[in-house]
């Protein structure tokens, strides 16, 4: 073998090693991308579930708010009725 052939042989071997290293890096990067996609999908599902729970809480709070409005309205009507009864029985009569 001549020196040129030996030099070419060493260059080819070096390129093969670089190619193998590049392939390994590419494989590692692809695995990271797949793992990142899986992690993103998990996070998205968690947010979706969280938003559904908050939506359920909103509905429950709206229901409670409706009940409170009804209770307050009943109290106001009761007080107004009591005042009207007081007035009709002469409670605001001012002696002259």
N, C-alpha and C. Protein backbone atom coordinates (compact mmCIF):
# COMPACT_ATOMS: atom_id res chain seq x y z
N UNK A 1 0.83 -1.17 0.00
CA UNK A 1 0.00 0.00 0.00
C UNK A 1 0.89 1.24 0.00
N UNK A 2 0.45 2.22 -0.75
CA UNK A 2 1.22 3.45 -0.79
C UNK A 2 0.78 4.36 0.33
N UNK A 3 1.51 5.41 0.48
CA UNK A 3 1.19 6.37 1.55
C UNK A 3 -0.15 7.04 1.25
N UNK A 4 -0.40 7.32 -0.03
CA UNK A 4 -1.68 7.94 -0.39
C UNK A 4 -2.84 7.02 -0.07
N UNK A 5 -2.71 5.76 -0.36
CA UNK A 5 -3.78 4.79 -0.08
C UNK A 5 -4.01 4.67 1.43
N UNK A 6 -2.93 4.66 2.19
CA UNK A 6 -3.05 4.59 3.65
C UNK A 6 -3.71 5.85 4.19
N UNK A 7 -3.33 7.00 3.61
CA UNK A 7 -3.92 8.27 4.03
C UNK A 7 -5.41 8.30 3.68
N UNK A 8 -5.76 7.84 2.48
CA UNK A 8 -7.17 7.78 2.09
C UNK A 8 -7.94 6.83 2.97
N UNK A 9 -7.31 5.70 3.28
CA UNK A 9 -7.95 4.71 4.15
C UNK A 9 -8.24 5.32 5.52
N UNK A 10 -7.30 6.05 6.09
CA UNK A 10 -7.50 6.66 7.41
C UNK A 10 -8.57 7.75 7.33
N UNK A 11 -8.62 8.46 6.22
CA UNK A 11 -9.66 9.48 6.06
C UNK A 11 -11.04 8.83 5.96
N UNK A 12 -11.13 7.74 5.23
CA UNK A 12 -12.41 7.03 5.11
C UNK A 12 -12.86 6.52 6.47
N UNK A 13 -11.94 5.94 7.21
CA UNK A 13 -12.27 5.44 8.55
C UNK A 13 -12.72 6.60 9.44
N UNK A 14 -12.03 7.73 9.35
CA UNK A 14 -12.40 8.90 10.14
C UNK A 14 -13.80 9.37 9.76
N UNK A 15 -14.10 9.42 8.47
CA UNK A 15 -15.42 9.83 8.02
C UNK A 15 -16.50 8.85 8.47
N UNK A 16 -16.18 7.56 8.47
CA UNK A 16 -17.14 6.56 8.94
C UNK A 16 -17.44 6.75 10.42
N UNK A 17 -16.42 7.07 11.21
CA UNK A 17 -16.62 7.32 12.64
C UNK A 17 -17.47 8.58 12.85
N UNK A 18 -17.18 9.62 12.07
CA UNK A 18 -17.96 10.85 12.18
C UNK A 18 -19.42 10.59 11.79
N UNK A 19 -19.60 9.79 10.74
CA UNK A 19 -20.95 9.45 10.30
C UNK A 19 -21.71 8.68 11.39
N UNK A 20 -21.03 7.73 12.01
CA UNK A 20 -21.66 6.95 13.09
C UNK A 20 -22.03 7.87 14.26
N UNK A 21 -21.13 8.81 14.59
CA UNK A 21 -21.40 9.74 15.68
C UNK A 21 -22.58 10.65 15.33
N UNK A 22 -22.62 11.08 14.08
CA UNK A 22 -23.72 11.93 13.63
C UNK A 22 -25.04 11.17 13.66
N UNK A 23 -25.02 9.93 13.24
CA UNK A 23 -26.22 9.09 13.29
C UNK A 23 -26.71 8.93 14.73
N UNK A 24 -25.77 8.73 15.64
CA UNK A 24 -26.14 8.57 17.06
C UNK A 24 -26.75 9.86 17.60
N UNK A 25 -26.16 11.00 17.25
CA UNK A 25 -26.70 12.29 17.69
C UNK A 25 -28.10 12.50 17.12
N UNK A 26 -28.28 12.16 15.86
CA UNK A 26 -29.58 12.30 15.22
C UNK A 26 -30.63 11.42 15.91
N UNK A 27 -30.25 10.20 16.22
CA UNK A 27 -31.15 9.28 16.92
C UNK A 27 -31.52 9.83 18.29
N UNK A 28 -30.53 10.37 19.00
CA UNK A 28 -30.78 10.96 20.32
C UNK A 28 -31.73 12.15 20.22
N UNK A 29 -31.50 12.99 19.20
CA UNK A 29 -32.36 14.15 19.02
C UNK A 29 -33.79 13.73 18.68
N UNK A 30 -33.95 12.71 17.84
CA UNK A 30 -35.28 12.22 17.51
C UNK A 30 -35.99 11.69 18.75
N UNK A 31 -35.25 10.98 19.60
CA UNK A 31 -35.84 10.47 20.84
C UNK A 31 -36.27 11.62 21.75
N UNK A 32 -35.45 12.67 21.82
CA UNK A 32 -35.81 13.83 22.64
C UNK A 32 -37.07 14.50 22.11
N UNK A 33 -37.17 14.62 20.78
CA UNK A 33 -38.36 15.22 20.20
C UNK A 33 -39.60 14.39 20.50
N UNK A 34 -39.48 13.09 20.42
CA UNK A 34 -40.62 12.22 20.73
C UNK A 34 -41.01 12.38 22.20
N UNK A 35 -40.01 12.41 23.08
CA UNK A 35 -40.30 12.58 24.51
C UNK A 35 -40.93 13.95 24.77
N UNK A 36 -40.44 14.98 24.07
CA UNK A 36 -41.02 16.31 24.25
C UNK A 36 -42.46 16.34 23.76
N UNK A 37 -42.74 15.67 22.64
CA UNK A 37 -44.11 15.61 22.14
C UNK A 37 -45.03 14.89 23.13
N UNK A 38 -44.54 13.82 23.72
CA UNK A 38 -45.33 13.09 24.71
C UNK A 38 -45.58 13.96 25.94
N UNK A 39 -44.54 14.67 26.39
CA UNK A 39 -44.70 15.56 27.55
C UNK A 39 -45.69 16.68 27.23
N UNK A 40 -45.63 17.23 26.02
CA UNK A 40 -46.58 18.28 25.64
C UNK A 40 -48.00 17.74 25.61
N UNK A 41 -48.16 16.53 25.11
CA UNK A 41 -49.50 15.93 25.07
C UNK A 41 -50.03 15.72 26.49
N UNK A 42 -49.17 15.30 27.40
CA UNK A 42 -49.59 15.13 28.80
C UNK A 42 -50.03 16.46 29.39
N UNK A 43 -49.21 17.49 29.18
CA UNK A 43 -49.54 18.81 29.73
C UNK A 43 -50.86 19.32 29.15
N UNK A 44 -51.03 19.11 27.85
CA UNK A 44 -52.27 19.55 27.21
C UNK A 44 -53.48 18.83 27.80
N UNK A 45 -53.34 17.55 28.05
CA UNK A 45 -54.43 16.78 28.65
C UNK A 45 -54.70 17.24 30.08
N UNK A 46 -53.64 17.56 30.83
CA UNK A 46 -53.81 18.05 32.19
C UNK A 46 -54.55 19.39 32.18
N UNK A 47 -54.16 20.28 31.27
CA UNK A 47 -54.84 21.58 31.18
C UNK A 47 -56.30 21.40 30.79
N UNK A 48 -56.55 20.48 29.87
CA UNK A 48 -57.92 20.21 29.44
C UNK A 48 -58.76 19.74 30.62
N UNK A 49 -58.23 18.81 31.41
CA UNK A 49 -58.95 18.32 32.59
C UNK A 49 -59.16 19.43 33.61
N UNK A 50 -58.13 20.26 33.80
CA UNK A 50 -58.24 21.36 34.75
C UNK A 50 -59.31 22.35 34.31
N UNK A 51 -59.34 22.67 33.03
CA UNK A 51 -60.36 23.59 32.53
C UNK A 51 -61.76 23.00 32.66
N UNK A 52 -61.89 21.70 32.46
CA UNK A 52 -63.19 21.05 32.65
C UNK A 52 -63.63 21.16 34.10
N UNK A 53 -62.69 20.96 35.02
CA UNK A 53 -63.03 21.06 36.45
C UNK A 53 -63.45 22.48 36.80
N UNK A 54 -62.72 23.48 36.27
CA UNK A 54 -63.10 24.87 36.53
C UNK A 54 -64.45 25.20 35.92
N UNK A 55 -64.74 24.62 34.76
CA UNK A 55 -66.05 24.82 34.15
C UNK A 55 -67.15 24.26 35.03
N UNK A 56 -66.91 23.09 35.62
CA UNK A 56 -67.87 22.51 36.55
C UNK A 56 -68.05 23.37 37.79
N UNK A 57 -66.95 23.93 38.28
CA UNK A 57 -67.04 24.82 39.44
C UNK A 57 -67.84 26.07 39.11
N UNK A 58 -67.64 26.61 37.91
CA UNK A 58 -68.41 27.78 37.50
C UNK A 58 -69.90 27.48 37.50
N UNK A 59 -70.27 26.32 36.99
CA UNK A 59 -71.69 25.95 36.96
C UNK A 59 -72.24 25.83 38.38
N UNK A 60 -71.45 25.22 39.27
CA UNK A 60 -71.90 25.06 40.65
C UNK A 60 -72.03 26.42 41.34
N UNK A 61 -71.06 27.31 41.09
CA UNK A 61 -71.13 28.65 41.68
C UNK A 61 -72.32 29.44 41.14
N UNK A 62 -72.61 29.29 39.87
CA UNK A 62 -73.79 29.95 39.30
C UNK A 62 -75.07 29.44 39.96
N UNK A 63 -75.11 28.14 40.22
CA UNK A 63 -76.27 27.55 40.88
C UNK A 63 -76.42 28.10 42.30
N UNK A 64 -75.30 28.17 43.03
CA UNK A 64 -75.32 28.72 44.39
C UNK A 64 -75.74 30.18 44.35
N UNK A 65 -75.23 30.91 43.37
CA UNK A 65 -75.58 32.32 43.23
C UNK A 65 -77.09 32.47 43.00
N UNK A 66 -77.66 31.60 42.20
CA UNK A 66 -79.11 31.64 41.97
C UNK A 66 -79.88 31.40 43.26
N UNK A 67 -79.42 30.44 44.06
CA UNK A 67 -80.08 30.17 45.34
C UNK A 67 -79.97 31.38 46.27
N UNK A 68 -78.80 32.00 46.32
CA UNK A 68 -78.61 33.16 47.19
C UNK A 68 -79.49 34.32 46.76
N UNK A 69 -79.61 34.53 45.46
CA UNK A 69 -80.49 35.60 44.97
C UNK A 69 -81.93 35.32 45.39
N UNK A 70 -82.35 34.08 45.29
CA UNK A 70 -83.71 33.71 45.69
C UNK A 70 -83.92 33.95 47.19
N UNK A 71 -82.95 33.58 47.99
CA UNK A 71 -83.05 33.77 49.45
C UNK A 71 -83.11 35.25 49.80
N UNK A 72 -82.23 36.05 49.19
CA UNK A 72 -82.22 37.49 49.47
C UNK A 72 -83.53 38.12 49.02
N UNK A 73 -84.02 37.71 47.87
CA UNK A 73 -85.30 38.23 47.38
C UNK A 73 -86.43 37.88 48.35
N UNK A 74 -86.43 36.66 48.87
CA UNK A 74 -87.46 36.25 49.84
C UNK A 74 -87.37 37.09 51.11
N UNK A 75 -86.16 37.37 51.56
CA UNK A 75 -85.98 38.19 52.77
C UNK A 75 -86.48 39.61 52.53
N UNK A 76 -86.14 40.18 51.38
CA UNK A 76 -86.58 41.54 51.06
C UNK A 76 -88.10 41.60 50.96
N UNK A 77 -88.70 40.62 50.29
CA UNK A 77 -90.17 40.59 50.18
C UNK A 77 -90.79 40.43 51.57
N UNK A 78 -90.20 39.61 52.42
CA UNK A 78 -90.71 39.43 53.78
C UNK A 78 -90.63 40.72 54.59
N UNK A 79 -89.50 41.42 54.48
CA UNK A 79 -89.37 42.69 55.20
C UNK A 79 -90.35 43.73 54.66
N UNK A 80 -90.51 43.76 53.35
CA UNK A 80 -91.46 44.70 52.76
C UNK A 80 -92.89 44.37 53.20
N UNK A 81 -93.22 43.08 53.24
CA UNK A 81 -94.54 42.67 53.72
C UNK A 81 -94.75 43.03 55.17
N UNK A 82 -93.74 42.84 55.99
CA UNK A 82 -93.84 43.19 57.41
C UNK A 82 -94.04 44.69 57.57
N UNK A 83 -93.32 45.47 56.79
CA UNK A 83 -93.47 46.93 56.85
C UNK A 83 -94.87 47.35 56.42
N UNK A 84 -95.36 46.73 55.34
CA UNK A 84 -96.71 47.07 54.87
C UNK A 84 -97.76 46.69 55.92
N UNK A 85 -97.58 45.56 56.57
CA UNK A 85 -98.50 45.15 57.63
C UNK A 85 -98.45 46.14 58.78
N UNK A 86 -97.27 46.58 59.14
CA UNK A 86 -97.08 47.56 60.21
C UNK A 86 -97.80 48.86 59.86
N UNK A 87 -97.66 49.29 58.60
CA UNK A 87 -98.28 50.55 58.18
C UNK A 87 -99.80 50.41 58.16
N UNK A 88 -100.31 49.30 57.66
CA UNK A 88 -101.77 49.14 57.58
C UNK A 88 -102.42 49.00 58.95
N UNK A 89 -101.69 48.58 59.94
CA UNK A 89 -102.24 48.45 61.30
C UNK A 89 -102.12 49.77 62.06
N UNK A 90 -101.65 50.81 61.38
CA UNK A 90 -101.57 52.12 62.01
C UNK A 90 -100.26 52.36 62.72
N UNK A 91 -99.24 51.69 62.35
CA UNK A 91 -97.95 51.85 63.01
C UNK A 91 -97.29 53.18 62.74
N UNK A 92 -97.65 53.85 61.68
CA UNK A 92 -97.07 55.15 61.38
C UNK A 92 -98.00 56.30 61.80
N UNK A 93 -99.00 55.97 62.58
CA UNK A 93 -99.94 57.00 63.01
C UNK A 93 -99.25 57.96 63.97
N UNK A 94 -99.31 59.23 63.61
CA UNK A 94 -98.71 60.26 64.46
C UNK A 94 -99.86 60.98 65.17
N UNK A 95 -99.86 60.93 66.52
CA UNK A 95 -100.96 61.60 67.23
C UNK A 95 -100.89 63.11 67.03
N UNK A 96 -102.05 63.72 66.84
CA UNK A 96 -102.06 65.16 66.63
C UNK A 96 -102.41 65.94 67.86
